[in-house]
PDB file of N, CA and C in Angstrom:
ATOM      1  N   MET A   1       1.528   3.179  12.838  1.00  0.00           N
ATOM      2  CA  MET A   1       1.893   3.522  11.466  1.00  0.00           C
ATOM      3  C   MET A   1       2.184   5.021  11.423  1.00  0.00           C
ATOM      4  N   ASP A   2       3.343   5.367  10.966  1.00  0.00           N
ATOM      5  CA  ASP A   2       3.736   6.761  10.796  1.00  0.00           C
ATOM      6  C   ASP A   2       3.471   7.147   9.343  1.00  0.00           C
ATOM      7  N   ARG A   3       2.311   7.769   9.109  1.00  0.00           N
ATOM      8  CA  ARG A   3       1.909   8.080   7.727  1.00  0.00           C
ATOM      9  C   ARG A   3       2.830   9.089   7.064  1.00  0.00           C
ATOM     10  N   GLU A   4       3.307  10.070   7.805  1.00  0.00           N
ATOM     11  CA  GLU A   4       4.206  11.061   7.205  1.00  0.00           C
ATOM     12  C   GLU A   4       5.483  10.390   6.718  1.00  0.00           C
ATOM     13  N   ARG A   5       6.022   9.521   7.541  1.00  0.00           N
ATOM     14  CA  ARG A   5       7.222   8.789   7.135  1.00  0.00           C
ATOM     15  C   ARG A   5       6.922   7.896   5.934  1.00  0.00           C
ATOM     16  N   LEU A   6       5.760   7.230   5.954  1.00  0.00           N
ATOM     17  CA  LEU A   6       5.392   6.372   4.839  1.00  0.00           C
ATOM     18  C   LEU A   6       5.305   7.166   3.547  1.00  0.00           C
ATOM     19  N   VAL A   7       4.669   8.321   3.573  1.00  0.00           N
ATOM     20  CA  VAL A   7       4.554   9.143   2.361  1.00  0.00           C
ATOM     21  C   VAL A   7       5.943   9.490   1.838  1.00  0.00           C
ATOM     22  N   SER A   8       6.849   9.859   2.723  1.00  0.00           N
ATOM     23  CA  SER A   8       8.227  10.181   2.311  1.00  0.00           C
ATOM     24  C   SER A   8       8.923   8.971   1.714  1.00  0.00           C
ATOM     25  N   GLU A   9       8.751   7.814   2.348  1.00  0.00           N
ATOM     26  CA  GLU A   9       9.377   6.586   1.845  1.00  0.00           C
ATOM     27  C   GLU A   9       8.783   6.163   0.506  1.00  0.00           C
ATOM     28  N   LEU A  10       7.485   6.337   0.350  1.00  0.00           N
ATOM     29  CA  LEU A  10       6.856   6.005  -0.930  1.00  0.00           C
ATOM     30  C   LEU A  10       7.408   6.886  -2.035  1.00  0.00           C
ATOM     31  N   GLU A  11       7.539   8.173  -1.767  1.00  0.00           N
ATOM     32  CA  GLU A  11       8.078   9.089  -2.769  1.00  0.00           C
ATOM     33  C   GLU A  11       9.509   8.713  -3.129  1.00  0.00           C
ATOM     34  N   ALA A  12      10.324   8.452  -2.125  1.00  0.00           N
ATOM     35  CA  ALA A  12      11.735   8.140  -2.361  1.00  0.00           C
ATOM     36  C   ALA A  12      11.930   6.827  -3.113  1.00  0.00           C
ATOM     37  N   ASN A  13      11.085   5.846  -2.822  1.00  0.00           N
ATOM     38  CA  ASN A  13      11.268   4.512  -3.393  1.00  0.00           C
ATOM     39  C   ASN A  13      10.468   4.241  -4.656  1.00  0.00           C
ATOM     40  N   PHE A  14       9.279   4.857  -4.782  1.00  0.00           N
ATOM     41  CA  PHE A  14       8.389   4.487  -5.881  1.00  0.00           C
ATOM     42  C   PHE A  14       7.832   5.662  -6.675  1.00  0.00           C
ATOM     43  N   GLY A  15       8.064   6.878  -6.220  1.00  0.00           N
ATOM     44  CA  GLY A  15       7.542   8.040  -6.932  1.00  0.00           C
ATOM     45  C   GLY A  15       6.043   8.160  -6.796  1.00  0.00           C
ATOM     46  N   GLY A  16       5.394   8.378  -7.891  1.00  0.00           N
ATOM     47  CA  GLY A  16       3.950   8.579  -7.873  1.00  0.00           C
ATOM     48  C   GLY A  16       3.622  10.030  -7.567  1.00  0.00           C
ATOM     49  N   THR A  17       2.384  10.375  -7.753  1.00  0.00           N
ATOM     50  CA  THR A  17       1.948  11.746  -7.473  1.00  0.00           C
ATOM     51  C   THR A  17       1.652  11.890  -5.983  1.00  0.00           C
ATOM     52  N   ALA A  18       1.557  13.130  -5.540  1.00  0.00           N
ATOM     53  CA  ALA A  18       1.188  13.387  -4.141  1.00  0.00           C
ATOM     54  C   ALA A  18      -0.158  12.731  -3.835  1.00  0.00           C
ATOM     55  N   MET A  19      -1.077  12.771  -4.789  1.00  0.00           N
ATOM     56  CA  MET A  19      -2.395  12.180  -4.587  1.00  0.00           C
ATOM     57  C   MET A  19      -2.307  10.659  -4.409  1.00  0.00           C
ATOM     58  N   THR A  20      -1.503   9.997  -5.222  1.00  0.00           N
ATOM     59  CA  THR A  20      -1.414   8.538  -5.103  1.00  0.00           C
ATOM     60  C   THR A  20      -0.686   8.151  -3.823  1.00  0.00           C
ATOM     61  N   ARG A  21       0.330   8.923  -3.429  1.00  0.00           N
ATOM     62  CA  ARG A  21       1.017   8.624  -2.168  1.00  0.00           C
ATOM     63  C   ARG A  21       0.078   8.793  -0.979  1.00  0.00           C
ATOM     64  N   ARG A  22      -0.750   9.830  -1.012  1.00  0.00           N
ATOM     65  CA  ARG A  22      -1.738  10.020   0.070  1.00  0.00           C
ATOM     66  C   ARG A  22      -2.744   8.875   0.096  1.00  0.00           C
ATOM     67  N   ALA A  23      -3.223   8.471  -1.075  1.00  0.00           N
ATOM     68  CA  ALA A  23      -4.218   7.394  -1.142  1.00  0.00           C
ATOM     69  C   ALA A  23      -3.642   6.083  -0.613  1.00  0.00           C
ATOM     70  N   VAL A  24      -2.429   5.751  -1.038  1.00  0.00           N
ATOM     71  CA  VAL A  24      -1.798   4.511  -0.567  1.00  0.00           C
ATOM     72  C   VAL A  24      -1.526   4.596   0.926  1.00  0.00           C
ATOM     73  N   SER A  25      -1.039   5.732   1.404  1.00  0.00           N
ATOM     74  CA  SER A  25      -0.754   5.850   2.838  1.00  0.00           C
ATOM     75  C   SER A  25      -2.040   5.784   3.664  1.00  0.00           C
ATOM     76  N   ARG A  26      -3.121   6.323   3.142  1.00  0.00           N
ATOM     77  CA  ARG A  26      -4.410   6.262   3.846  1.00  0.00           C
ATOM     78  C   ARG A  26      -4.899   4.811   3.935  1.00  0.00           C
ATOM     79  N   GLN A  27      -4.769   4.069   2.838  1.00  0.00           N
ATOM     80  CA  GLN A  27      -5.166   2.665   2.865  1.00  0.00           C
ATOM     81  C   GLN A  27      -4.251   1.853   3.782  1.00  0.00           C
ATOM     82  N   ALA A  28      -2.971   2.185   3.783  1.00  0.00           N
ATOM     83  CA  ALA A  28      -2.040   1.498   4.677  1.00  0.00           C
ATOM     84  C   ALA A  28      -2.422   1.759   6.135  1.00  0.00           C
ATOM     85  N   GLN A  29      -2.795   3.002   6.436  1.00  0.00           N
ATOM     86  CA  GLN A  29      -3.234   3.321   7.802  1.00  0.00           C
ATOM     87  C   GLN A  29      -4.496   2.549   8.159  1.00  0.00           C
ATOM     88  N   ASP A  30      -5.441   2.497   7.230  1.00  0.00           N
ATOM     89  CA  ASP A  30      -6.672   1.730   7.475  1.00  0.00           C
ATOM     90  C   ASP A  30      -6.357   0.252   7.686  1.00  0.00           C
ATOM     91  N   LEU A  31      -5.432  -0.265   6.890  1.00  0.00           N
ATOM     92  CA  LEU A  31      -5.029  -1.666   7.037  1.00  0.00           C
ATOM     93  C   LEU A  31      -4.382  -1.897   8.400  1.00  0.00           C
ATOM     94  N   ALA A  32      -3.500  -0.998   8.796  1.00  0.00           N
ATOM     95  CA  ALA A  32      -2.855  -1.122  10.108  1.00  0.00           C
ATOM     96  C   ALA A  32      -3.899  -1.060  11.225  1.00  0.00           C
ATOM     97  N   ASP A  33      -4.817  -0.119  11.119  1.00  0.00           N
ATOM     98  CA  ASP A  33      -5.852   0.047  12.143  1.00  0.00           C
ATOM     99  C   ASP A  33      -6.786  -1.160  12.226  1.00  0.00           C
ATOM    100  N   SER A  34      -6.966  -1.857  11.110  1.00  0.00           N
ATOM    101  CA  SER A  34      -7.881  -3.003  11.090  1.00  0.00           C
ATOM    102  C   SER A  34      -7.349  -4.198  11.873  1.00  0.00           C
ATOM    103  N   GLY A  35      -6.036  -4.278  12.003  1.00  0.00           N
ATOM    104  CA  GLY A  35      -5.426  -5.416  12.697  1.00  0.00           C
ATOM    105  C   GLY A  35      -5.349  -6.681  11.859  1.00  0.00           C
ATOM    106  N   GLN A  36      -5.730  -6.617  10.588  1.00  0.00           N
ATOM    107  CA  GLN A  36      -5.738  -7.820   9.751  1.00  0.00           C
ATOM    108  C   GLN A  36      -4.348  -8.395   9.528  1.00  0.00           C
ATOM    109  N   ILE A  37      -3.362  -7.537   9.283  1.00  0.00           N
ATOM    110  CA  ILE A  37      -1.999  -8.027   9.065  1.00  0.00           C
ATOM    111  C   ILE A  37      -1.509  -8.738  10.322  1.00  0.00           C
ATOM    112  N   GLU A  38      -1.754  -8.130  11.473  1.00  0.00           N
ATOM    113  CA  GLU A  38      -1.331  -8.769  12.727  1.00  0.00           C
ATOM    114  C   GLU A  38      -1.998 -10.130  12.905  1.00  0.00           C
ATOM    115  N   ALA A  39      -3.280 -10.197  12.614  1.00  0.00           N
ATOM    116  CA  ALA A  39      -4.011 -11.450  12.785  1.00  0.00           C
ATOM    117  C   ALA A  39      -3.559 -12.512  11.776  1.00  0.00           C
ATOM    118  N   ASP A  40      -3.350 -12.107  10.537  1.00  0.00           N
ATOM    119  CA  ASP A  40      -3.025 -13.070   9.488  1.00  0.00           C
ATOM    120  C   ASP A  40      -1.540 -13.414   9.410  1.00  0.00           C
ATOM    121  N   MET A  41      -0.681 -12.440   9.697  1.00  0.00           N
ATOM    122  CA  MET A  41       0.742 -12.655   9.457  1.00  0.00           C
ATOM    123  C   MET A  41       1.618 -12.441  10.692  1.00  0.00           C
ATOM    124  N   GLN A  42       1.013 -12.105  11.795  1.00  0.00           N
ATOM    125  CA  GLN A  42       1.707 -11.960  13.077  1.00  0.00           C
ATOM    126  C   GLN A  42       2.821 -10.909  13.074  1.00  0.00           C
ATOM    127  N   TYR A  43       2.608  -9.784  12.400  1.00  0.00           N
ATOM    128  CA  TYR A  43       3.516  -8.646  12.552  1.00  0.00           C
ATOM    129  C   TYR A  43       2.720  -7.351  12.457  1.00  0.00           C
ATOM    130  N   ARG A  44       3.250  -6.325  13.089  1.00  0.00           N
ATOM    131  CA  ARG A  44       2.619  -5.017  13.083  1.00  0.00           C
ATOM    132  C   ARG A  44       2.995  -4.298  11.794  1.00  0.00           C
ATOM    133  N   LEU A  45       2.022  -3.695  11.151  1.00  0.00           N
ATOM    134  CA  LEU A  45       2.274  -2.994   9.898  1.00  0.00           C
ATOM    135  C   LEU A  45       2.949  -1.657  10.189  1.00  0.00           C
ATOM    136  N   THR A  46       4.109  -1.464   9.585  1.00  0.00           N
ATOM    137  CA  THR A  46       4.884  -0.235   9.717  1.00  0.00           C
ATOM    138  C   THR A  46       5.200   0.303   8.330  1.00  0.00           C
ATOM    139  N   ALA A  47       5.731   1.508   8.289  1.00  0.00           N
ATOM    140  CA  ALA A  47       6.148   2.088   7.010  1.00  0.00           C
ATOM    141  C   ALA A  47       7.194   1.195   6.346  1.00  0.00           C
ATOM    142  N   ASP A  48       8.141   0.688   7.130  1.00  0.00           N
ATOM    143  CA  ASP A  48       9.172  -0.194   6.572  1.00  0.00           C
ATOM    144  C   ASP A  48       8.565  -1.455   5.971  1.00  0.00           C
ATOM    145  N   ALA A  49       7.578  -2.028   6.642  1.00  0.00           N
ATOM    146  CA  ALA A  49       6.939  -3.247   6.138  1.00  0.00           C
ATOM    147  C   ALA A  49       6.189  -2.974   4.837  1.00  0.00           C
ATOM    148  N   VAL A  50       5.516  -1.831   4.755  1.00  0.00           N
ATOM    149  CA  VAL A  50       4.804  -1.476   3.522  1.00  0.00           C
ATOM    150  C   VAL A  50       5.796  -1.352   2.373  1.00  0.00           C
ATOM    151  N   VAL A  51       6.874  -0.596   2.584  1.00  0.00           N
ATOM    152  CA  VAL A  51       7.870  -0.385   1.533  1.00  0.00           C
ATOM    153  C   VAL A  51       8.493  -1.715   1.105  1.00  0.00           C
ATOM    154  N   ALA A  52       8.820  -2.562   2.058  1.00  0.00           N
ATOM    155  CA  ALA A  52       9.430  -3.859   1.732  1.00  0.00           C
ATOM    156  C   ALA A  52       8.486  -4.712   0.891  1.00  0.00           C
ATOM    157  N   ASN A  53       7.215  -4.718   1.233  1.00  0.00           N
ATOM    158  CA  ASN A  53       6.256  -5.515   0.461  1.00  0.00           C
ATOM    159  C   ASN A  53       6.016  -4.934  -0.918  1.00  0.00           C
ATOM    160  N   LEU A  54       5.960  -3.616  -1.029  1.00  0.00           N
ATOM    161  CA  LEU A  54       5.767  -2.999  -2.340  1.00  0.00           C
ATOM    162  C   LEU A  54       6.985  -3.196  -3.226  1.00  0.00           C
ATOM    163  N   ALA A  55       8.148  -3.301  -2.632  1.00  0.00           N
ATOM    164  CA  ALA A  55       9.378  -3.520  -3.404  1.00  0.00           C
ATOM    165  C   ALA A  55       9.392  -4.888  -4.074  1.00  0.00           C
ATOM    166  N   ASP A  56       8.583  -5.823  -3.575  1.00  0.00           N
ATOM    167  CA  ASP A  56       8.509  -7.161  -4.162  1.00  0.00           C
ATOM    168  C   ASP A  56       7.690  -7.206  -5.454  1.00  0.00           C
ATOM    169  N   ALA A  57       6.925  -6.155  -5.720  1.00  0.00           N
ATOM    170  CA  ALA A  57       6.097  -6.113  -6.932  1.00  0.00           C
ATOM    171  C   ALA A  57       6.988  -5.978  -8.164  1.00  0.00           C
ATOM    172  N   PRO A  58       6.462  -6.325  -9.328  1.00  0.00           N
ATOM    173  CA  PRO A  58       7.248  -6.151 -10.557  1.00  0.00           C
ATOM    174  C   PRO A  58       7.786  -4.719 -10.691  1.00  0.00           C
ATOM    175  N   GLU A  59       9.002  -4.628 -11.134  1.00  0.00           N
ATOM    176  CA  GLU A  59       9.739  -3.360 -11.222  1.00  0.00           C
ATOM    177  C   GLU A  59       8.999  -2.281 -12.001  1.00  0.00           C
ATOM    178  N   GLU A  60       8.323  -2.666 -13.070  1.00  0.00           N
ATOM    179  CA  GLU A  60       7.679  -1.669 -13.932  1.00  0.00           C
ATOM    180  C   GLU A  60       6.355  -1.144 -13.377  1.00  0.00           C
ATOM    181  N   TYR A  61       5.879  -1.692 -12.280  1.00  0.00           N
ATOM    182  CA  TYR A  61       4.595  -1.277 -11.719  1.00  0.00           C
ATOM    183  C   TYR A  61       4.671   0.115 -11.099  1.00  0.00           C
ATOM    184  N   THR A  62       3.578   0.844 -11.254  1.00  0.00           N
ATOM    185  CA  THR A  62       3.441   2.146 -10.598  1.00  0.00           C
ATOM    186  C   THR A  62       3.154   1.914  -9.115  1.00  0.00           C
ATOM    187  N   LEU A  63       3.134   2.986  -8.355  1.00  0.00           N
ATOM    188  CA  LEU A  63       2.848   2.877  -6.925  1.00  0.00           C
ATOM    189  C   LEU A  63       1.492   2.227  -6.669  1.00  0.00           C
ATOM    190  N   VAL A  64       0.462   2.689  -7.339  1.00  0.00           N
ATOM    191  CA  VAL A  64      -0.880   2.115  -7.146  1.00  0.00           C
ATOM    192  C   VAL A  64      -0.905   0.649  -7.575  1.00  0.00           C
ATOM    193  N   GLU A  65      -0.266   0.326  -8.684  1.00  0.00           N
ATOM    194  CA  GLU A  65      -0.217  -1.068  -9.134  1.00  0.00           C
ATOM    195  C   GLU A  65       0.512  -1.941  -8.112  1.00  0.00           C
ATOM    196  N   ARG A  66       1.580  -1.418  -7.542  1.00  0.00           N
ATOM    197  CA  ARG A  66       2.323  -2.168  -6.513  1.00  0.00           C
ATOM    198  C   ARG A  66       1.437  -2.431  -5.300  1.00  0.00           C
ATOM    199  N   TRP A  67       0.741  -1.388  -4.844  1.00  0.00           N
ATOM    200  CA  TRP A  67      -0.130  -1.545  -3.687  1.00  0.00           C
ATOM    201  C   TRP A  67      -1.228  -2.584  -3.986  1.00  0.00           C
ATOM    202  N   ASN A  68      -1.887  -2.439  -5.113  1.00  0.00           N
ATOM    203  CA  ASN A  68      -2.971  -3.363  -5.459  1.00  0.00           C
ATOM    204  C   ASN A  68      -2.453  -4.782  -5.697  1.00  0.00           C
ATOM    205  N   TRP A  69      -1.248  -4.912  -6.209  1.00  0.00           N
ATOM    206  CA  TRP A  69      -0.626  -6.233  -6.372  1.00  0.00           C
ATOM    207  C   TRP A  69      -0.455  -6.884  -5.000  1.00  0.00           C
ATOM    208  N   TRP A  70       0.047  -6.135  -4.023  1.00  0.00           N
ATOM    209  CA  TRP A  70       0.225  -6.670  -2.679  1.00  0.00           C
ATOM    210  C   TRP A  70      -1.120  -7.024  -2.044  1.00  0.00           C
ATOM    211  N   MET A  71      -2.113  -6.127  -2.184  1.00  0.00           N
ATOM    212  CA  MET A  71      -3.430  -6.412  -1.610  1.00  0.00           C
ATOM    213  C   MET A  71      -4.055  -7.631  -2.283  1.00  0.00           C
ATOM    214  N   GLY A  72      -3.842  -7.770  -3.592  1.00  0.00           N
ATOM    215  CA  GLY A  72      -4.352  -8.942  -4.302  1.00  0.00           C
ATOM    216  C   GLY A  72      -3.710 -10.222  -3.804  1.00  0.00           C
ATOM    217  N   SER A  73      -2.418 -10.172  -3.536  1.00  0.00           N
ATOM    218  CA  SER A  73      -1.717 -11.343  -2.997  1.00  0.00           C
ATOM    219  C   SER A  73      -2.257 -11.716  -1.621  1.00  0.00           C
ATOM    220  N   LEU A  74      -2.447 -10.700  -0.778  1.00  0.00           N
ATOM    221  CA  LEU A  74      -3.001 -10.956   0.560  1.00  0.00           C
ATOM    222  C   LEU A  74      -4.427 -11.485   0.472  1.00  0.00           C
ATOM    223  N   ASP A  75      -5.195 -10.951  -0.470  1.00  0.00           N
ATOM    224  CA  ASP A  75      -6.573 -11.398  -0.636  1.00  0.00           C
ATOM    225  C   ASP A  75      -6.626 -12.854  -1.076  1.00  0.00           C
ATOM    226  N   LEU A  76      -5.738 -13.245  -1.978  1.00  0.00           N
ATOM    227  CA  LEU A  76      -5.690 -14.644  -2.406  1.00  0.00           C
ATOM    228  C   LEU A  76      -5.284 -15.569  -1.259  1.00  0.00           C
ATOM    229  N   ALA A  77      -4.340 -15.120  -0.457  1.00  0.00           N
ATOM    230  CA  ALA A  77      -3.834 -15.958   0.633  1.00  0.00           C
ATOM    231  C   ALA A  77      -4.785 -16.021   1.819  1.00  0.00           C
ATOM    232  N   PHE A  78      -5.395 -14.893   2.163  1.00  0.00           N
ATOM    233  CA  PHE A  78      -6.172 -14.828   3.405  1.00  0.00           C
ATOM    234  C   PHE A  78      -7.614 -14.389   3.226  1.00  0.00           C
ATOM    235  N   GLY A  79      -7.937 -13.748   2.107  1.00  0.00           N
ATOM    236  CA  GLY A  79      -9.273 -13.188   1.908  1.00  0.00           C
ATOM    237  C   GLY A  79      -9.437 -11.880   2.670  1.00  0.00           C
ATOM    238  N   GLU A  80     -10.467 -11.140   2.318  1.00  0.00           N
ATOM    239  CA  GLU A  80     -10.852  -9.920   3.034  1.00  0.00           C
ATOM    240  C   GLU A  80      -9.887  -8.741   2.894  1.00  0.00           C
ATOM    241  N   TYR A  81      -9.114  -8.681   1.818  1.00  0.00           N
ATOM    242  CA  TYR A  81      -8.229  -7.542   1.597  1.00  0.00           C
ATOM    243  C   TYR A  81      -8.668  -6.683   0.408  1.00  0.00           C
ATOM    244  N   GLN A  82      -9.670  -7.112  -0.320  1.00  0.00           N
ATOM    245  CA  GLN A  82     -10.127  -6.408  -1.517  1.00  0.00           C
ATOM    246  C   GLN A  82     -10.504  -4.956  -1.210  1.00  0.00           C
ATOM    247  N   HIS A  83     -11.098  -4.709  -0.063  1.00  0.00           N
ATOM    248  CA  HIS A  83     -11.562  -3.356   0.241  1.00  0.00           C
ATOM    249  C   HIS A  83     -10.421  -2.384   0.550  1.00  0.00           C
ATOM    250  N   PHE A  84      -9.185  -2.855   0.594  1.00  0.00           N
ATOM    251  CA  PHE A  84      -8.033  -1.976   0.799  1.00  0.00           C
ATOM    252  C   PHE A  84      -7.389  -1.545  -0.526  1.00  0.00           C
ATOM    253  N   HIS A  85      -7.922  -2.001  -1.648  1.00  0.00           N
ATOM    254  CA  HIS A  85      -7.370  -1.608  -2.951  1.00  0.00           C
ATOM    255  C   HIS A  85      -7.542  -0.113  -3.173  1.00  0.00           C
ATOM    256  N   VAL A  86      -6.662   0.444  -3.982  1.00  0.00           N
ATOM    257  CA  VAL A  86      -6.736   1.842  -4.396  1.00  0.00           C
ATOM    258  C   VAL A  86      -7.245   1.863  -5.833  1.00  0.00           C
ATOM    259  N   ARG A  87      -8.132   2.772  -6.121  1.00  0.00           N
ATOM    260  CA  ARG A  87      -8.671   2.877  -7.488  1.00  0.00           C
ATOM    261  C   ARG A  87      -7.548   3.054  -8.497  1.00  0.00           C
ATOM    262  N   PRO A  88      -7.452   2.162  -9.486  1.00  0.00           N
ATOM    263  CA  PRO A  88      -6.380   2.272 -10.484  1.00  0.00           C
ATOM    264  C   PRO A  88      -6.439   3.556 -11.294  1.00  0.00           C
ATOM    265  N   ASP A  89      -7.631   4.090 -11.513  1.00  0.00           N
ATOM    266  CA  ASP A  89      -7.758   5.309 -12.322  1.00  0.00           C
ATOM    267  C   ASP A  89      -7.306   6.552 -11.569  1.00  0.00           C
ATOM    268  N   LEU A  90      -6.970   6.427 -10.302  1.00  0.00           N
ATOM    269  CA  LEU A  90      -6.495   7.564  -9.522  1.00  0.00           C
ATOM    270  C   LEU A  90      -5.238   8.169 -10.139  1.00  0.00           C
ATOM    271  N   GLU A  91      -4.423   7.325 -10.727  1.00  0.00           N
ATOM    272  CA  GLU A  91      -3.177   7.805 -11.346  1.00  0.00           C
ATOM    273  C   GLU A  91      -3.427   8.650 -12.588  1.00  0.00           C
ATOM    274  N   ASP A  92      -4.588   8.482 -13.194  1.00  0.00           N
ATOM    275  CA  ASP A  92      -4.919   9.246 -14.392  1.00  0.00           C
ATOM    276  C   ASP A  92      -5.553  10.593 -14.058  1.00  0.00           C
ATOM    277  N   THR A  93      -5.929  10.785 -12.790  1.00  0.00           N
ATOM    278  CA  THR A  93      -6.590  12.016 -12.359  1.00  0.00           C
ATOM    279  C   THR A  93      -5.564  13.117 -12.189  1.00  0.00           C
ATOM    280  N   GLN A  94      -5.799  14.223 -12.756  1.00  0.00           N
ATOM    281  CA  GLN A  94      -4.886  15.370 -12.655  1.00  0.00           C
ATOM    282  C   GLN A  94      -5.449  16.367 -11.643  1.00  0.00           C
ATOM    283  N   HIS A  95      -4.693  16.633 -10.598  1.00  0.00           N
ATOM    284  CA  HIS A  95      -5.062  17.654  -9.594  1.00  0.00           C
ATOM    285  C   HIS A  95      -3.852  18.455  -9.240  1.00  0.00           C
TER     286      HIS A  95
END
């Protein structure tokens, strides 16, 4: 997982604050490192795969909502993805 590339792709495709992009990219890295996607879906998690999956979320969703929507879908299908969610209130935090 190329986190720098992912952060750039998240900004270009979904916006969000620097803090939310870092949080999502950190969770994506943790998800990639866990091997769960490979075990459950038989593909390696890449920046392109993250962006493609987040693009499937409803258009009006924020970056964090998109990420949590995807994690919720994976959790329903396979279980054990809840701990990869990003705190929704992170978007309300001003730094």
